[in-house]
Amino acid sequence: MFFRFRKTAPAPAPTAAPRIARACGELDSLPLAFSPLIAEMMALYCHTRPIGALSQSEQCAEEYRLVARSVVHHILEGWQNQTDGHGTIDDLLLEPRRPRTPAAPYQRAGERAQHLAA
């Protein structure tokens, strides 16, 4: 039995095309160049999106709690490293409040009068 080898043309060298690394379309507001840390966080975000729908069809509460606790622990550890040990879970879960200085009553009344006059 004889084997014949086909001669194929060599594959063209890959061209250096710019690659845009996007984990999810929803995160288009992030800059194109991001760190491996942000890439991992984006991947985590994209991979956890279907959890809500999956949890409606499965019942494994104890296992879910254990794994979720581990995931949250890793995220909190990263946040503490980002904030020199000062970050808390509340920083991640709660919307930060904007510092506001209360306006003097006469300022608010003047602004209201201007608004009503317009």
Protein backbone atom coordinates (compact mmCIF):
# COMPACT_ATOMS: atom_id res chain seq x y z
CA MET A 1 0.00 0.00 0.00
CA PHE A 2 1.37 3.37 -0.98
CA PHE A 3 0.72 6.60 0.82
CA ARG A 4 0.60 9.79 -1.09
CA PHE A 5 1.31 13.05 0.59
CA ARG A 6 -0.38 16.09 -0.71
CA LYS A 7 1.67 19.20 -0.92
CA THR A 8 -0.29 22.09 0.41
CA ALA A 9 0.63 25.70 0.17
CA PRO A 10 2.04 27.05 3.41
CA ALA A 11 -0.46 28.94 5.51
CA PRO A 12 -0.06 32.69 5.24
CA ALA A 13 1.64 34.33 8.18
CA PRO A 14 -0.84 35.84 10.60
CA THR A 15 -1.17 39.56 10.27
CA ALA A 16 -1.00 41.76 13.29
CA ALA A 17 -4.61 42.88 13.42
CA PRO A 18 -5.62 45.05 16.33
CA ARG A 19 -7.68 43.06 18.79
CA ILE A 20 -10.25 44.68 20.96
CA ALA A 21 -10.63 42.60 24.08
CA ARG A 22 -14.25 42.89 25.14
CA ALA A 23 -15.81 40.51 27.60
CA CYS A 24 -19.32 41.95 27.28
CA GLY A 25 -20.98 44.50 25.09
CA GLU A 26 -22.49 46.19 28.14
CA LEU A 27 -19.05 47.25 29.30
CA ASP A 28 -18.24 49.38 26.26
CA SER A 29 -17.66 52.40 28.47
CA LEU A 30 -14.39 50.95 29.77
CA PRO A 31 -11.24 52.04 27.96
CA LEU A 32 -9.74 49.67 25.41
CA ALA A 33 -6.54 49.12 27.36
CA PHE A 34 -7.28 47.55 30.70
CA SER A 35 -5.30 45.51 33.16
CA PRO A 36 -5.50 41.75 33.73
CA LEU A 37 -7.36 42.52 36.97
CA ILE A 38 -10.10 44.41 35.15
CA ALA A 39 -10.23 41.70 32.46
CA GLU A 40 -10.84 39.08 35.18
CA MET A 41 -13.52 41.24 36.78
CA MET A 42 -15.22 41.71 33.40
CA ALA A 43 -15.12 37.95 32.79
CA LEU A 44 -16.59 37.34 36.25
CA TYR A 45 -19.37 39.81 35.51
CA CYS A 46 -20.18 38.22 32.17
CA HIS A 47 -20.09 34.68 33.50
CA THR A 48 -22.37 35.47 36.45
CA ARG A 49 -25.10 37.20 34.42
CA PRO A 50 -27.17 34.01 33.84
CA ILE A 51 -27.14 33.00 37.52
CA GLY A 52 -30.50 34.64 38.20
CA ALA A 53 -32.23 32.65 35.46
CA LEU A 54 -30.46 29.39 36.35
CA SER A 55 -31.40 29.72 40.01
CA GLN A 56 -35.09 29.67 39.08
CA SER A 57 -34.85 26.14 37.71
CA GLU A 58 -32.52 24.53 40.26
CA GLN A 59 -32.67 24.05 44.02
CA CYS A 60 -29.24 23.73 45.65
CA ALA A 61 -29.30 26.48 48.27
CA GLU A 62 -26.56 25.14 50.54
CA GLU A 63 -24.07 24.60 47.71
CA TYR A 64 -25.00 27.98 46.23
CA ARG A 65 -24.35 29.71 49.57
CA LEU A 66 -20.95 28.07 50.00
CA VAL A 67 -19.74 28.93 46.50
CA ALA A 68 -21.21 32.44 46.60
CA ARG A 69 -19.50 33.09 49.93
CA SER A 70 -16.16 32.04 48.42
CA VAL A 71 -16.64 34.26 45.38
CA VAL A 72 -17.58 37.25 47.54
CA HIS A 73 -14.57 36.56 49.77
CA HIS A 74 -12.21 36.73 46.77
CA ILE A 75 -13.81 39.94 45.52
CA LEU A 76 -13.58 41.53 48.96
CA GLU A 77 -9.94 40.48 49.28
CA GLY A 78 -9.20 42.18 45.97
CA TRP A 79 -11.06 45.31 47.05
CA GLN A 80 -9.10 45.45 50.30
CA ASN A 81 -5.87 45.18 48.31
CA GLN A 82 -7.05 48.04 46.09
CA THR A 83 -7.82 50.26 49.09
CA ASP A 84 -4.77 49.46 51.26
CA GLY A 85 -6.90 47.41 53.63
CA HIS A 86 -9.54 50.08 54.21
CA GLY A 87 -12.20 48.78 51.82
CA THR A 88 -15.34 47.14 53.16
CA ILE A 89 -18.08 45.06 51.61
CA ASP A 90 -20.41 48.05 52.01
CA ASP A 91 -18.20 50.01 49.62
CA LEU A 92 -19.00 47.44 46.95
CA LEU A 93 -22.67 46.89 47.73
CA LEU A 94 -23.89 50.38 48.51
CA GLU A 95 -23.94 53.34 46.19
CA PRO A 96 -21.52 55.92 47.62
CA ARG A 97 -23.19 59.07 48.81
CA ARG A 98 -22.13 62.30 47.23
CA PRO A 99 -20.89 64.85 49.73
CA ARG A 100 -23.30 67.76 49.84
CA THR A 101 -23.12 70.96 51.72
CA PRO A 102 -26.55 72.12 52.76
CA ALA A 103 -27.55 75.39 51.16
CA ALA A 104 -28.56 78.26 53.36
CA PRO A 105 -32.35 78.78 53.45
CA TYR A 106 -32.13 82.15 51.72
CA GLN A 107 -30.12 80.60 48.86
CA ARG A 108 -32.71 77.90 48.31
CA ALA A 109 -35.55 80.40 48.44
CA GLY A 110 -33.79 82.67 45.93
CA GLU A 111 -33.18 79.75 43.57
CA ARG A 112 -36.81 78.73 43.87
CA ALA A 113 -38.00 82.26 43.16
CA GLN A 114 -35.78 82.40 40.07
CA HIS A 115 -37.12 79.03 38.91
CA LEU A 116 -40.73 80.09 39.38
CA ALA A 117 -40.15 83.39 37.60
CA ALA A 118 -38.78 81.66 34.51
